[in-house]
Amino acid sequence: MKKMSKPNTFLIGVQKAATTSVFNWLSQHPEVCAPLAMKDLAFFTRPMFYKEKGIDFLLKHYKKCDGSQKIKLQGSVHYIFFDDALKRIKSFKPDAKFILILREPVERAISGYKYARKFNYEEASFTDAIEKEALRIQSDDLRIVSECTYVNHGYYAYQVKRFLKYFEKSQLKILLYEDIKKSPLKGE
């Protein structure tokens, strides 16, 4: 019986920082298996996936990966933001590699807000939404915390510190949105 491929590389954030483009570019490399369904499937964040559907649900998406593909990529822009997601990934694949793309926090917050408005997650004005954030960040509604907390998503130092509680610095590659936008072909 063929051994099931497991994701070994995770694109973990942040929102509105070219993660979709990077995922798509990487998926075109012959040594990368990156099923499209695995971009922004918040498997390790959302209980409906992790607890209810289970690991087999995740792994079935990697059945087509073959031995020539060294990298099995999965990603969600919220993994860096949630402690539980990082803990679950640590349990699942402790030696995983990670890609984190950071974007200037104010621009990212505005872009995140526009995204939330576009998909009807957000009804408040930007100013009102920022004023409500202290309450929103404590919400039990994962969608509100994920999509409608614009300032908190920009606290990158805190998020990287949280990451380093579970993983080594050597497992993390940080890219900057501004560099990707300016020179997408450069790659590092």
N, C-alpha and C. Protein backbone atom coordinates (compact mmCIF):
# COMPACT_ATOMS: atom_id res chain seq x y z
N MET A 1 0.84 -1.19 0.00
CA MET A 1 0.00 0.00 0.00
C MET A 1 0.88 1.26 0.00
N LYS A 2 0.53 2.22 -0.85
CA LYS A 2 1.29 3.45 -0.97
C LYS A 2 1.17 4.29 0.30
N LYS A 3 2.33 4.78 0.77
CA LYS A 3 2.34 5.64 1.95
C LYS A 3 1.70 6.99 1.60
N MET A 4 0.84 7.46 2.49
CA MET A 4 0.12 8.71 2.27
C MET A 4 1.08 9.90 2.41
N SER A 5 1.07 10.80 1.43
CA SER A 5 1.87 12.01 1.51
C SER A 5 1.27 12.96 2.54
N LYS A 6 2.15 13.64 3.22
CA LYS A 6 1.74 14.58 4.26
C LYS A 6 2.29 15.95 3.92
N PRO A 7 1.51 17.00 4.10
CA PRO A 7 2.08 18.33 3.89
C PRO A 7 3.30 18.51 4.80
N ASN A 8 4.36 19.10 4.24
CA ASN A 8 5.57 19.32 5.03
C ASN A 8 6.01 20.78 5.02
N THR A 9 5.27 21.60 4.27
CA THR A 9 5.58 23.03 4.18
C THR A 9 4.26 23.79 4.26
N PHE A 10 4.27 24.84 5.05
CA PHE A 10 3.03 25.59 5.30
C PHE A 10 3.24 27.08 5.02
N LEU A 11 2.33 27.65 4.24
CA LEU A 11 2.28 29.09 4.01
C LEU A 11 1.32 29.62 5.06
N ILE A 12 1.85 30.30 6.08
CA ILE A 12 1.08 30.56 7.30
C ILE A 12 0.56 31.99 7.46
N GLY A 13 0.75 32.83 6.51
CA GLY A 13 0.20 34.18 6.62
C GLY A 13 1.09 35.18 5.91
N VAL A 14 0.67 36.40 6.00
CA VAL A 14 -0.49 36.98 6.65
C VAL A 14 -1.54 37.34 5.60
N GLN A 15 -2.70 37.73 6.10
CA GLN A 15 -3.79 38.16 5.22
C GLN A 15 -3.33 39.26 4.28
N LYS A 16 -3.82 39.20 3.05
CA LYS A 16 -3.65 40.27 2.07
C LYS A 16 -2.17 40.62 1.83
N ALA A 17 -1.35 39.57 1.69
CA ALA A 17 0.08 39.80 1.48
C ALA A 17 0.64 38.93 0.35
N ALA A 18 -0.15 38.69 -0.67
CA ALA A 18 0.26 37.95 -1.87
C ALA A 18 0.43 36.45 -1.62
N THR A 19 -0.20 35.92 -0.58
CA THR A 19 -0.06 34.49 -0.30
C THR A 19 -0.67 33.64 -1.41
N THR A 20 -1.76 34.07 -1.99
CA THR A 20 -2.38 33.31 -3.08
C THR A 20 -1.44 33.26 -4.28
N SER A 21 -0.85 34.38 -4.63
CA SER A 21 0.10 34.41 -5.75
C SER A 21 1.29 33.50 -5.48
N VAL A 22 1.86 33.60 -4.29
CA VAL A 22 3.03 32.78 -3.95
C VAL A 22 2.65 31.29 -3.97
N PHE A 23 1.51 30.95 -3.42
CA PHE A 23 1.05 29.56 -3.44
C PHE A 23 0.94 29.07 -4.89
N ASN A 24 0.32 29.87 -5.74
CA ASN A 24 0.14 29.49 -7.15
C ASN A 24 1.48 29.36 -7.87
N TRP A 25 2.39 30.27 -7.62
CA TRP A 25 3.71 30.20 -8.26
C TRP A 25 4.46 28.95 -7.82
N LEU A 26 4.45 28.69 -6.53
CA LEU A 26 5.15 27.51 -6.02
C LEU A 26 4.54 26.22 -6.56
N SER A 27 3.23 26.21 -6.72
CA SER A 27 2.54 24.99 -7.18
C SER A 27 2.96 24.59 -8.60
N GLN A 28 3.54 25.51 -9.34
CA GLN A 28 3.96 25.22 -10.71
C GLN A 28 5.34 24.55 -10.79
N HIS A 29 6.05 24.53 -9.68
CA HIS A 29 7.38 23.91 -9.67
C HIS A 29 7.22 22.39 -9.65
N PRO A 30 8.02 21.66 -10.43
CA PRO A 30 7.86 20.21 -10.49
C PRO A 30 8.17 19.49 -9.17
N GLU A 31 8.88 20.12 -8.27
CA GLU A 31 9.19 19.47 -6.98
C GLU A 31 8.22 19.87 -5.88
N VAL A 32 7.12 20.55 -6.27
CA VAL A 32 6.13 21.00 -5.29
C VAL A 32 4.77 20.40 -5.63
N CYS A 33 4.16 19.81 -4.63
CA CYS A 33 2.78 19.34 -4.74
C CYS A 33 1.95 20.30 -3.88
N ALA A 34 1.09 21.06 -4.55
CA ALA A 34 0.29 22.08 -3.85
C ALA A 34 -1.14 22.05 -4.39
N PRO A 35 -1.95 21.12 -3.90
CA PRO A 35 -3.34 21.07 -4.38
C PRO A 35 -4.05 22.39 -4.14
N LEU A 36 -4.69 22.89 -5.17
CA LEU A 36 -5.38 24.18 -5.09
C LEU A 36 -6.36 24.24 -3.92
N ALA A 37 -7.01 23.14 -3.62
CA ALA A 37 -7.97 23.09 -2.51
C ALA A 37 -7.31 23.33 -1.15
N MET A 38 -5.98 23.26 -1.12
CA MET A 38 -5.27 23.41 0.16
C MET A 38 -4.80 24.83 0.42
N LYS A 39 -5.06 25.76 -0.48
CA LYS A 39 -4.74 27.17 -0.23
C LYS A 39 -5.92 27.80 0.49
N ASP A 40 -5.65 28.27 1.65
CA ASP A 40 -6.64 28.92 2.52
C ASP A 40 -7.73 27.98 3.03
N LEU A 41 -7.44 26.70 3.05
CA LEU A 41 -8.28 25.78 3.80
C LEU A 41 -7.71 25.80 5.22
N ALA A 42 -8.40 26.45 6.10
CA ALA A 42 -7.89 26.66 7.47
C ALA A 42 -8.03 25.38 8.29
N PHE A 43 -7.45 24.31 7.80
CA PHE A 43 -7.62 23.00 8.42
C PHE A 43 -7.22 22.99 9.89
N PHE A 44 -6.06 23.53 10.22
CA PHE A 44 -5.57 23.47 11.60
C PHE A 44 -6.16 24.56 12.50
N THR A 45 -6.94 25.47 11.91
CA THR A 45 -7.58 26.54 12.68
C THR A 45 -9.02 26.19 13.04
N ARG A 46 -9.73 25.65 12.09
CA ARG A 46 -11.17 25.46 12.26
C ARG A 46 -11.53 24.07 12.75
N PRO A 47 -12.24 24.00 13.89
CA PRO A 47 -12.66 22.71 14.44
C PRO A 47 -13.46 21.85 13.45
N MET A 48 -14.23 22.49 12.57
CA MET A 48 -15.03 21.72 11.62
C MET A 48 -14.15 20.87 10.70
N PHE A 49 -12.92 21.29 10.49
CA PHE A 49 -12.00 20.49 9.68
C PHE A 49 -11.15 19.60 10.57
N TYR A 50 -10.43 20.19 11.50
CA TYR A 50 -9.45 19.46 12.29
C TYR A 50 -10.09 18.39 13.18
N LYS A 51 -11.11 18.77 13.91
CA LYS A 51 -11.73 17.83 14.85
C LYS A 51 -12.80 16.97 14.21
N GLU A 52 -13.63 17.58 13.37
CA GLU A 52 -14.77 16.84 12.82
C GLU A 52 -14.41 15.98 11.61
N LYS A 53 -13.66 16.53 10.67
CA LYS A 53 -13.31 15.78 9.46
C LYS A 53 -12.04 14.95 9.65
N GLY A 54 -11.13 15.44 10.46
CA GLY A 54 -9.94 14.69 10.80
C GLY A 54 -8.81 14.76 9.78
N ILE A 55 -7.68 14.19 10.19
CA ILE A 55 -6.45 14.22 9.39
C ILE A 55 -6.63 13.54 8.03
N ASP A 56 -7.42 12.48 7.97
CA ASP A 56 -7.63 11.80 6.69
C ASP A 56 -8.22 12.73 5.64
N PHE A 57 -9.06 13.67 6.06
CA PHE A 57 -9.62 14.67 5.15
C PHE A 57 -8.51 15.49 4.52
N LEU A 58 -7.54 15.90 5.33
CA LEU A 58 -6.40 16.68 4.82
C LEU A 58 -5.55 15.82 3.89
N LEU A 59 -5.21 14.64 4.32
CA LEU A 59 -4.29 13.79 3.58
C LEU A 59 -4.83 13.34 2.22
N LYS A 60 -6.14 13.20 2.10
CA LYS A 60 -6.70 12.74 0.83
C LYS A 60 -6.39 13.72 -0.31
N HIS A 61 -6.16 14.98 0.03
CA HIS A 61 -5.83 15.98 -0.99
C HIS A 61 -4.41 15.83 -1.52
N TYR A 62 -3.61 15.04 -0.84
CA TYR A 62 -2.21 14.86 -1.24
C TYR A 62 -1.95 13.48 -1.86
N LYS A 63 -3.00 12.75 -2.18
CA LYS A 63 -2.87 11.42 -2.78
C LYS A 63 -2.13 11.45 -4.11
N LYS A 64 -2.28 12.54 -4.84
CA LYS A 64 -1.65 12.63 -6.17
C LYS A 64 -0.19 13.06 -6.10
N CYS A 65 0.30 13.39 -4.93
CA CYS A 65 1.71 13.75 -4.79
C CYS A 65 2.54 12.49 -5.04
N ASP A 66 3.62 12.66 -5.75
CA ASP A 66 4.47 11.49 -5.99
C ASP A 66 5.84 11.71 -5.33
N GLY A 67 6.68 10.73 -5.41
CA GLY A 67 7.98 10.78 -4.75
C GLY A 67 8.91 11.86 -5.27
N SER A 68 8.67 12.37 -6.49
CA SER A 68 9.54 13.41 -7.05
C SER A 68 9.25 14.78 -6.45
N GLN A 69 8.14 14.92 -5.78
CA GLN A 69 7.76 16.21 -5.20
C GLN A 69 8.19 16.27 -3.75
N LYS A 70 9.28 16.98 -3.52
CA LYS A 70 9.85 17.06 -2.18
C LYS A 70 9.00 17.91 -1.24
N ILE A 71 8.34 18.90 -1.80
CA ILE A 71 7.55 19.83 -0.98
C ILE A 71 6.07 19.56 -1.19
N LYS A 72 5.37 19.35 -0.08
CA LYS A 72 3.92 19.22 -0.09
C LYS A 72 3.39 20.44 0.66
N LEU A 73 2.80 21.36 -0.08
CA LEU A 73 2.44 22.68 0.44
C LEU A 73 0.98 22.76 0.86
N GLN A 74 0.75 23.37 2.00
CA GLN A 74 -0.60 23.67 2.48
C GLN A 74 -0.54 25.06 3.09
N GLY A 75 -1.64 25.79 3.08
CA GLY A 75 -1.55 27.12 3.63
C GLY A 75 -2.86 27.72 4.07
N SER A 76 -2.74 28.55 5.07
CA SER A 76 -3.85 29.38 5.52
C SER A 76 -3.25 30.65 6.12
N VAL A 77 -3.77 31.77 5.71
CA VAL A 77 -3.23 33.05 6.19
C VAL A 77 -3.44 33.25 7.68
N HIS A 78 -4.24 32.40 8.30
CA HIS A 78 -4.53 32.57 9.72
C HIS A 78 -3.70 31.68 10.64
N TYR A 79 -2.92 30.78 10.09
CA TYR A 79 -2.16 29.88 10.96
C TYR A 79 -1.23 30.63 11.91
N ILE A 80 -0.58 31.67 11.44
CA ILE A 80 0.34 32.42 12.31
C ILE A 80 -0.42 33.15 13.41
N PHE A 81 -1.70 33.38 13.20
CA PHE A 81 -2.50 34.19 14.12
C PHE A 81 -3.10 33.40 15.28
N PHE A 82 -3.22 32.09 15.12
CA PHE A 82 -3.89 31.29 16.15
C PHE A 82 -2.94 30.28 16.79
N ASP A 83 -2.81 30.39 18.09
CA ASP A 83 -1.97 29.49 18.87
C ASP A 83 -2.37 28.04 18.65
N ASP A 84 -3.66 27.74 18.67
CA ASP A 84 -4.12 26.36 18.49
C ASP A 84 -3.67 25.79 17.14
N ALA A 85 -3.69 26.61 16.10
CA ALA A 85 -3.27 26.13 14.78
C ALA A 85 -1.80 25.73 14.81
N LEU A 86 -0.97 26.55 15.41
CA LEU A 86 0.46 26.24 15.49
C LEU A 86 0.71 24.98 16.33
N LYS A 87 -0.01 24.84 17.43
CA LYS A 87 0.12 23.63 18.26
C LYS A 87 -0.26 22.38 17.46
N ARG A 88 -1.34 22.47 16.72
CA ARG A 88 -1.82 21.32 15.94
C ARG A 88 -0.82 20.96 14.83
N ILE A 89 -0.26 21.96 14.18
CA ILE A 89 0.75 21.69 13.15
C ILE A 89 1.98 21.06 13.80
N LYS A 90 2.37 21.53 14.96
CA LYS A 90 3.52 20.96 15.67
C LYS A 90 3.29 19.48 15.95
N SER A 91 2.10 19.15 16.38
CA SER A 91 1.76 17.76 16.65
C SER A 91 1.74 16.93 15.37
N PHE A 92 1.25 17.52 14.30
CA PHE A 92 1.11 16.85 13.02
C PHE A 92 2.45 16.65 12.29
N LYS A 93 3.28 17.71 12.29
CA LYS A 93 4.53 17.68 11.52
C LYS A 93 5.56 18.58 12.21
N PRO A 94 6.20 18.10 13.27
CA PRO A 94 7.11 18.95 14.06
C PRO A 94 8.30 19.49 13.28
N ASP A 95 8.70 18.81 12.20
CA ASP A 95 9.86 19.27 11.42
C ASP A 95 9.45 20.05 10.17
N ALA A 96 8.21 20.52 10.12
CA ALA A 96 7.71 21.25 8.96
C ALA A 96 8.52 22.52 8.71
N LYS A 97 8.42 23.01 7.49
CA LYS A 97 8.99 24.30 7.09
C LYS A 97 7.83 25.27 6.88
N PHE A 98 8.12 26.56 7.06
CA PHE A 98 7.06 27.56 7.02
C PHE A 98 7.49 28.78 6.20
N ILE A 99 6.52 29.35 5.51
CA ILE A 99 6.71 30.59 4.78
C ILE A 99 5.71 31.59 5.36
N LEU A 100 6.24 32.73 5.75
CA LEU A 100 5.42 33.82 6.30
C LEU A 100 5.69 35.06 5.47
N ILE A 101 4.64 35.64 4.92
CA ILE A 101 4.78 36.87 4.14
C ILE A 101 4.18 38.01 4.96
N LEU A 102 4.98 39.03 5.18
CA LEU A 102 4.52 40.18 5.96
C LEU A 102 4.28 41.37 5.03
N ARG A 103 3.31 42.19 5.40
CA ARG A 103 2.97 43.39 4.64
C ARG A 103 2.88 44.56 5.60
N GLU A 104 3.22 45.73 5.12
CA GLU A 104 3.12 46.93 5.95
C GLU A 104 1.75 46.90 6.64
N PRO A 105 1.73 46.99 8.00
CA PRO A 105 0.51 46.69 8.76
C PRO A 105 -0.70 47.59 8.47
N VAL A 106 -0.49 48.87 8.22
CA VAL A 106 -1.64 49.74 7.97
C VAL A 106 -2.26 49.40 6.62
N GLU A 107 -1.42 49.25 5.60
CA GLU A 107 -1.95 48.87 4.28
C GLU A 107 -2.65 47.51 4.34
N ARG A 108 -2.06 46.58 5.11
CA ARG A 108 -2.66 45.26 5.24
C ARG A 108 -4.01 45.36 5.93
N ALA A 109 -4.11 46.19 6.97
CA ALA A 109 -5.38 46.36 7.69
C ALA A 109 -6.46 46.92 6.78
N ILE A 110 -6.11 47.91 5.99
CA ILE A 110 -7.08 48.51 5.06
C ILE A 110 -7.51 47.48 4.01
N SER A 111 -6.55 46.76 3.47
CA SER A 111 -6.86 45.73 2.49
C SER A 111 -7.72 44.62 3.10
N GLY A 112 -7.42 44.22 4.34
CA GLY A 112 -8.21 43.22 5.04
C GLY A 112 -9.65 43.70 5.26
N TYR A 113 -9.78 44.97 5.61
CA TYR A 113 -11.10 45.56 5.80
C TYR A 113 -11.90 45.53 4.49
N LYS A 114 -11.26 45.94 3.40
CA LYS A 114 -11.95 45.95 2.10
C LYS A 114 -12.37 44.53 1.70
N TYR A 115 -11.52 43.57 1.98
CA TYR A 115 -11.84 42.17 1.70
C TYR A 115 -13.07 41.74 2.52
N ALA A 116 -13.08 42.07 3.80
CA ALA A 116 -14.20 41.71 4.67
C ALA A 116 -15.50 42.38 4.21
N ARG A 117 -15.41 43.60 3.75
CA ARG A 117 -16.60 44.29 3.22
C ARG A 117 -17.09 43.60 1.94
N LYS A 118 -16.16 43.27 1.07
CA LYS A 118 -16.50 42.63 -0.20
C LYS A 118 -17.27 41.32 0.00
N PHE A 119 -16.89 40.56 1.03
CA PHE A 119 -17.53 39.28 1.27
C PHE A 119 -18.60 39.35 2.37
N ASN A 120 -19.02 40.57 2.71
CA ASN A 120 -20.08 40.82 3.68
C ASN A 120 -19.80 40.26 5.07
N TYR A 121 -18.51 40.19 5.44
CA TYR A 121 -18.16 39.84 6.81
C TYR A 121 -18.24 41.08 7.70
N GLU A 122 -18.11 42.23 7.07
CA GLU A 122 -18.01 43.49 7.80
C GLU A 122 -19.09 44.45 7.36
N GLU A 123 -19.79 45.04 8.35
CA GLU A 123 -20.82 46.04 8.05
C GLU A 123 -20.41 47.43 8.52
N ALA A 124 -19.53 47.50 9.51
CA ALA A 124 -19.15 48.78 10.12
C ALA A 124 -18.21 49.56 9.21
N SER A 125 -18.16 50.87 9.46
CA SER A 125 -17.14 51.68 8.78
C SER A 125 -15.78 51.25 9.31
N PHE A 126 -14.73 51.62 8.61
CA PHE A 126 -13.38 51.24 9.04
C PHE A 126 -13.09 51.77 10.44
N THR A 127 -13.45 53.02 10.70
CA THR A 127 -13.21 53.62 12.02
C THR A 127 -13.98 52.88 13.10
N ASP A 128 -15.25 52.59 12.85
CA ASP A 128 -16.05 51.85 13.83
C ASP A 128 -15.51 50.44 14.06
N ALA A 129 -15.08 49.81 12.98
CA ALA A 129 -14.53 48.46 13.10
C ALA A 129 -13.28 48.46 13.99
N ILE A 130 -12.43 49.45 13.82
CA ILE A 130 -11.21 49.54 14.65
C ILE A 130 -11.60 49.78 16.11
N GLU A 131 -12.61 50.61 16.34
CA GLU A 131 -13.05 50.88 17.70
C GLU A 131 -13.65 49.63 18.36
N LYS A 132 -14.24 48.75 17.58
CA LYS A 132 -14.86 47.52 18.09
C LYS A 132 -13.86 46.37 18.26
N GLU A 133 -12.64 46.57 17.82
CA GLU A 133 -11.70 45.45 17.75
C GLU A 133 -11.39 44.82 19.10
N ALA A 134 -11.31 45.62 20.15
CA ALA A 134 -11.01 45.05 21.48
C ALA A 134 -12.05 44.01 21.89
N LEU A 135 -13.30 44.23 21.53
CA LEU A 135 -14.34 43.24 21.81
C LEU A 135 -14.30 42.08 20.83
N ARG A 136 -14.05 42.40 19.57
CA ARG A 136 -14.04 41.36 18.54
C ARG A 136 -12.95 40.31 18.78
N ILE A 137 -11.80 40.75 19.22
CA ILE A 137 -10.69 39.81 19.40
C ILE A 137 -11.01 38.77 20.47
N GLN A 138 -11.97 39.07 21.33
CA GLN A 138 -12.38 38.14 22.39
C GLN A 138 -13.59 37.29 22.00
N SER A 139 -14.07 37.47 20.79
CA SER A 139 -15.27 36.77 20.34
C SER A 139 -15.05 35.27 20.26
N ASP A 140 -16.14 34.52 20.45
CA ASP A 140 -16.11 33.07 20.23
C ASP A 140 -16.34 32.73 18.77
N ASP A 141 -16.72 33.72 17.99
CA ASP A 141 -16.99 33.53 16.56
C ASP A 141 -15.65 33.59 15.82
N LEU A 142 -15.17 32.44 15.38
CA LEU A 142 -13.87 32.35 14.72
C LEU A 142 -13.81 33.21 13.46
N ARG A 143 -14.92 33.33 12.75
CA ARG A 143 -14.95 34.15 11.55
C ARG A 143 -14.69 35.62 11.88
N ILE A 144 -15.28 36.10 12.96
CA ILE A 144 -15.06 37.50 13.38
C ILE A 144 -13.59 37.71 13.74
N VAL A 145 -13.04 36.82 14.53
CA VAL A 145 -11.64 36.95 14.95
C VAL A 145 -10.70 36.83 13.74
N SER A 146 -11.01 35.92 12.83
CA SER A 146 -10.17 35.71 11.65
C SER A 146 -10.23 36.86 10.66
N GLU A 147 -11.43 37.32 10.38
CA GLU A 147 -11.61 38.25 9.26
C GLU A 147 -11.83 39.71 9.65
N CYS A 148 -12.19 39.99 10.90
CA CYS A 148 -12.61 41.35 11.26
C CYS A 148 -11.81 41.96 12.41
N THR A 149 -10.58 41.52 12.57
CA THR A 149 -9.68 42.11 13.57
C THR A 149 -8.45 42.62 12.82
N TYR A 150 -8.54 43.81 12.33
CA TYR A 150 -7.57 44.36 11.38
C TYR A 150 -6.27 44.80 12.04
N VAL A 151 -6.36 45.43 13.20
CA VAL A 151 -5.16 45.91 13.89
C VAL A 151 -4.38 44.73 14.47
N ASN A 152 -5.06 43.83 15.15
CA ASN A 152 -4.39 42.69 15.78
C ASN A 152 -3.65 41.81 14.77
N HIS A 153 -4.15 41.71 13.57
CA HIS A 153 -3.47 40.92 12.55
C HIS A 153 -2.13 41.55 12.16
N GLY A 154 -1.92 42.79 12.49
CA GLY A 154 -0.66 43.47 12.16
C GLY A 154 0.39 43.43 13.25
N TYR A 155 0.12 42.77 14.36
CA TYR A 155 1.11 42.65 15.44
C TYR A 155 2.05 41.48 15.14
N TYR A 156 2.91 41.69 14.18
CA TYR A 156 3.75 40.61 13.68
C TYR A 156 4.76 40.10 14.70
N ALA A 157 5.33 40.97 15.48
CA ALA A 157 6.33 40.53 16.46
C ALA A 157 5.71 39.53 17.43
N TYR A 158 4.50 39.82 17.87
CA TYR A 158 3.80 38.91 18.78
C TYR A 158 3.54 37.57 18.10
N GLN A 159 3.13 37.61 16.84
CA GLN A 159 2.81 36.39 16.11
C GLN A 159 4.07 35.54 15.88
N VAL A 160 5.17 36.17 15.54
CA VAL A 160 6.41 35.42 15.33
C VAL A 160 6.90 34.84 16.66
N LYS A 161 6.76 35.59 17.74
CA LYS A 161 7.12 35.05 19.07
C LYS A 161 6.30 33.81 19.40
N ARG A 162 5.02 33.86 19.10
CA ARG A 162 4.13 32.71 19.33
C ARG A 162 4.62 31.53 18.49
N PHE A 163 4.97 31.77 17.24
CA PHE A 163 5.49 30.72 16.37
C PHE A 163 6.73 30.08 16.99
N LEU A 164 7.63 30.90 17.53
CA LEU A 164 8.89 30.41 18.09
C LEU A 164 8.71 29.62 19.39
N LYS A 165 7.51 29.65 19.98
CA LYS A 165 7.22 28.78 21.12
C LYS A 165 7.16 27.32 20.68
N TYR A 166 6.83 27.09 19.42
CA TYR A 166 6.60 25.73 18.92
C TYR A 166 7.66 25.25 17.93
N PHE A 167 8.27 26.18 17.22
CA PHE A 167 9.18 25.80 16.15
C PHE A 167 10.48 26.59 16.24
N GLU A 168 11.48 26.09 15.55
CA GLU A 168 12.79 26.75 15.51
C GLU A 168 12.78 27.85 14.45
N LYS A 169 13.60 28.84 14.69
CA LYS A 169 13.76 29.94 13.75
C LYS A 169 14.17 29.42 12.36
N SER A 170 14.98 28.38 12.33
CA SER A 170 15.46 27.81 11.07
C SER A 170 14.34 27.19 10.23
N GLN A 171 13.19 26.97 10.80
CA GLN A 171 12.06 26.39 10.08
C GLN A 171 11.21 27.45 9.37
N LEU A 172 11.53 28.72 9.59
CA LEU A 172 10.71 29.83 9.11
C LEU A 172 11.45 30.68 8.10
N LYS A 173 10.81 30.91 6.96
CA LYS A 173 11.30 31.85 5.95
C LYS A 173 10.31 33.01 5.90
N ILE A 174 10.81 34.22 6.16
CA ILE A 174 9.96 35.41 6.13
C ILE A 174 10.25 36.19 4.85
N LEU A 175 9.19 36.48 4.13
CA LEU A 175 9.25 37.30 2.93
C LEU A 175 8.46 38.57 3.17
N LEU A 176 8.74 39.59 2.39
CA LEU A 176 8.00 40.85 2.50
C LEU A 176 7.16 41.07 1.25
N TYR A 177 5.92 41.40 1.47
CA TYR A 177 4.98 41.67 0.39
C TYR A 177 5.54 42.70 -0.58
N GLU A 178 6.12 43.75 -0.04
CA GLU A 178 6.63 44.84 -0.87
C GLU A 178 7.72 44.34 -1.83
N ASP A 179 8.55 43.40 -1.36
CA ASP A 179 9.59 42.82 -2.22
C ASP A 179 8.97 41.95 -3.30
N ILE A 180 7.97 41.18 -2.94
CA ILE A 180 7.29 40.31 -3.90
C ILE A 180 6.61 41.15 -4.97
N LYS A 181 5.97 42.22 -4.55
CA LYS A 181 5.27 43.09 -5.48
C LYS A 181 6.25 43.77 -6.44
N LYS A 182 7.37 44.21 -5.89
CA LYS A 182 8.37 44.95 -6.68
C LYS A 182 9.12 44.02 -7.64
N SER A 183 9.48 42.84 -7.17
CA SER A 183 10.30 41.91 -7.98
C SER A 183 9.79 40.47 -7.83
N PRO A 184 8.64 40.15 -8.39
CA PRO A 184 8.09 38.81 -8.18
C PRO A 184 8.96 37.68 -8.73
N LEU A 185 9.77 37.96 -9.71
CA LEU A 185 10.60 36.91 -10.31
C LEU A 185 11.92 36.70 -9.58
N LYS A 186 12.27 37.62 -8.70
CA LYS A 186 13.55 37.52 -8.02
C LYS A 186 13.62 36.25 -7.17
N GLY A 187 12.63 36.05 -6.30
CA GLY A 187 12.58 34.86 -5.45
C GLY A 187 13.83 34.72 -4.60
N GLU A 188 13.65 34.17 -3.43
CA GLU A 188 14.81 33.96 -2.56
C GLU A 188 14.86 32.54 -2.09
